[in-house]
Amino acid sequence: MDMNEQLFEDSTVYCLLWALQHTGQIDRAVLREHGFTDVEAANILKDEAGRLRALKRRVASAAAITPESLAAMLRAKLSEMLSRVEKSTELSSLLRSLKGLPDWLFPQWKLEAEEQRNLDALRRLAEKSGVLPALGG
């Protein structure tokens, strides 16, 4: 394993490089300030294996993705998957997997869940008071 690979395999180094890239450009002086030797800094910046370049892309991607853009991307991917479904079992499996997705992906789910909570609260209140018959679900 070469030095560059060893550095990028070290989770502490990787996290530090991620943080440095997120706050600005990585250069030799910055790396030296954060405890890297001249040889290590030169090796990281030389980037023969493309690890620093890949890290920069990941940092840029993480900064660009918002909850809204992630939700849109996931909805588009879901639509693509639905268009390829050929069997009812595939559709069932896909629909079951949707249950585990967070509400913010589909705003209408969040609204429906909130409405359901309100109905449940009203149902409990009505049942406790005995004034109204139990509401159907």
Protein backbone atom coordinates (compact mmCIF):
# COMPACT_ATOMS: atom_id res chain seq x y z
CA MET A 1 0.00 0.00 0.00
CA ASP A 2 1.54 3.31 -1.03
CA MET A 3 1.64 6.43 1.15
CA ASN A 4 -1.28 8.11 -0.64
CA GLU A 5 -3.49 5.08 -0.18
CA GLN A 6 -2.48 4.81 3.49
CA LEU A 7 -3.33 8.46 4.07
CA PHE A 8 -6.74 8.24 2.40
CA GLU A 9 -7.54 4.94 4.16
CA ASP A 10 -6.99 6.61 7.55
CA SER A 11 -10.46 7.79 8.61
CA THR A 12 -9.05 10.70 10.62
CA VAL A 13 -7.04 11.96 7.66
CA TYR A 14 -10.00 11.52 5.32
CA CYS A 15 -12.31 13.46 7.65
CA LEU A 16 -9.73 16.21 8.07
CA LEU A 17 -9.22 16.49 4.31
CA TRP A 18 -13.02 16.57 3.86
CA ALA A 19 -13.35 19.39 6.40
CA LEU A 20 -10.46 21.34 4.89
CA GLN A 21 -11.88 21.00 1.39
CA HIS A 22 -15.33 22.02 2.63
CA THR A 23 -13.97 25.24 4.14
CA GLY A 24 -11.73 26.12 1.21
CA GLN A 25 -8.93 24.95 -1.00
CA ILE A 26 -6.36 22.50 0.24
CA ASP A 27 -2.76 23.61 -0.26
CA ARG A 28 0.64 22.67 1.15
CA ALA A 29 0.62 25.39 3.84
CA VAL A 30 -2.83 24.39 5.10
CA LEU A 31 -1.83 20.72 5.22
CA ARG A 32 1.37 21.61 7.12
CA GLU A 33 -0.67 23.68 9.60
CA HIS A 34 -2.80 20.61 10.27
CA GLY A 35 0.07 18.27 11.08
CA PHE A 36 1.07 16.73 7.76
CA THR A 37 4.75 16.43 6.90
CA ASP A 38 6.15 17.97 3.71
CA VAL A 39 6.30 14.52 2.13
CA GLU A 40 2.69 13.70 3.09
CA ALA A 41 1.42 17.09 1.90
CA ALA A 42 3.26 16.72 -1.41
CA ASN A 43 1.90 13.20 -1.83
CA ILE A 44 -1.68 14.29 -1.15
CA LEU A 45 -1.42 17.23 -3.55
CA LYS A 46 0.32 15.21 -6.26
CA ASP A 47 -2.82 13.05 -6.34
CA GLU A 48 -1.53 10.40 -8.73
CA ALA A 49 -4.37 8.01 -7.87
CA GLY A 50 -7.09 10.67 -8.12
CA ARG A 51 -8.23 10.29 -4.51
CA LEU A 52 -8.09 14.02 -3.74
CA ARG A 53 -10.00 14.78 -6.93
CA ALA A 54 -12.68 12.24 -5.96
CA LEU A 55 -12.87 13.75 -2.48
CA LYS A 56 -13.32 17.23 -3.97
CA ARG A 57 -16.21 15.93 -6.10
CA ARG A 58 -17.85 14.32 -3.07
CA VAL A 59 -17.52 17.52 -1.03
CA ALA A 60 -18.98 19.58 -3.88
CA SER A 61 -21.81 17.10 -4.34
CA ALA A 62 -22.64 17.09 -0.63
CA ALA A 63 -22.68 20.89 -0.57
CA ALA A 64 -24.94 21.09 -3.62
CA ILE A 65 -27.53 18.57 -2.49
CA THR A 66 -30.44 20.07 -0.58
CA PRO A 67 -33.38 18.15 0.88
CA GLU A 68 -35.49 19.43 -2.01
CA SER A 69 -33.03 18.38 -4.72
CA LEU A 70 -32.47 15.01 -3.04
CA ALA A 71 -36.22 14.44 -2.85
CA ALA A 72 -36.62 15.35 -6.53
CA MET A 73 -33.77 13.05 -7.51
CA LEU A 74 -35.23 10.16 -5.50
CA ARG A 75 -38.71 10.73 -6.95
CA ALA A 76 -37.23 10.67 -10.47
CA LYS A 77 -35.38 7.44 -9.69
CA LEU A 78 -38.57 5.94 -8.26
CA SER A 79 -40.46 6.90 -11.40
CA GLU A 80 -37.76 5.24 -13.49
CA MET A 81 -37.97 2.08 -11.38
CA LEU A 82 -41.77 2.01 -11.63
CA SER A 83 -41.57 2.24 -15.41
CA ARG A 84 -39.41 -0.91 -15.48
CA VAL A 85 -41.69 -3.01 -13.24
CA GLU A 86 -42.94 -6.06 -15.14
CA LYS A 87 -44.45 -8.28 -12.43
CA SER A 88 -46.90 -7.57 -9.65
CA THR A 89 -44.41 -9.03 -7.16
CA GLU A 90 -41.84 -6.43 -8.23
CA LEU A 91 -44.41 -3.69 -7.73
CA SER A 92 -45.35 -5.07 -4.30
CA SER A 93 -41.72 -5.17 -3.28
CA LEU A 94 -41.14 -1.62 -4.47
CA LEU A 95 -44.24 -0.34 -2.68
CA ARG A 96 -43.19 -2.08 0.55
CA SER A 97 -39.81 -0.36 0.34
CA LEU A 98 -41.54 3.02 0.07
CA LYS A 99 -42.93 2.61 3.58
CA GLY A 100 -39.44 3.07 4.97
CA LEU A 101 -38.83 6.38 3.22
CA PRO A 102 -39.04 9.61 5.24
CA ASP A 103 -42.09 11.87 4.87
CA TRP A 104 -40.13 14.85 3.53
CA LEU A 105 -39.45 13.01 0.26
CA PHE A 106 -43.09 13.27 -0.65
CA PRO A 107 -44.74 16.35 0.89
CA GLN A 108 -48.19 14.91 0.33
CA TRP A 109 -47.27 11.98 2.60
CA LYS A 110 -46.40 14.42 5.35
CA LEU A 111 -49.75 16.19 4.97
CA GLU A 112 -51.63 12.90 4.97
CA ALA A 113 -49.74 11.71 8.06
CA GLU A 114 -50.56 14.98 9.84
CA GLU A 115 -54.23 14.69 8.86
CA GLN A 116 -54.26 11.10 10.13
CA ARG A 117 -52.75 12.20 13.47
CA ASN A 118 -55.43 14.90 13.77
CA LEU A 119 -58.16 12.37 13.00
CA ASP A 120 -56.73 9.95 15.54
CA ALA A 121 -56.68 12.68 18.19
CA LEU A 122 -60.29 13.60 17.39
CA ARG A 123 -61.29 9.93 17.50
CA ARG A 124 -59.71 9.47 20.95
CA LEU A 125 -61.36 12.65 22.23
CA ALA A 126 -64.77 11.59 20.89
CA GLU A 127 -64.43 8.10 22.36
CA LYS A 128 -63.45 9.50 25.78
CA SER A 129 -66.30 11.98 25.89
CA GLY A 130 -68.85 9.39 24.87
CA VAL A 131 -70.79 12.16 23.13
CA LEU A 132 -70.02 10.97 19.63
CA PRO A 133 -69.80 7.40 18.38
CA ALA A 134 -66.32 6.17 17.52
CA LEU A 135 -65.13 7.59 14.21
CA GLY A 136 -64.41 5.06 11.47
CA GLY A 137 -60.95 4.87 9.90
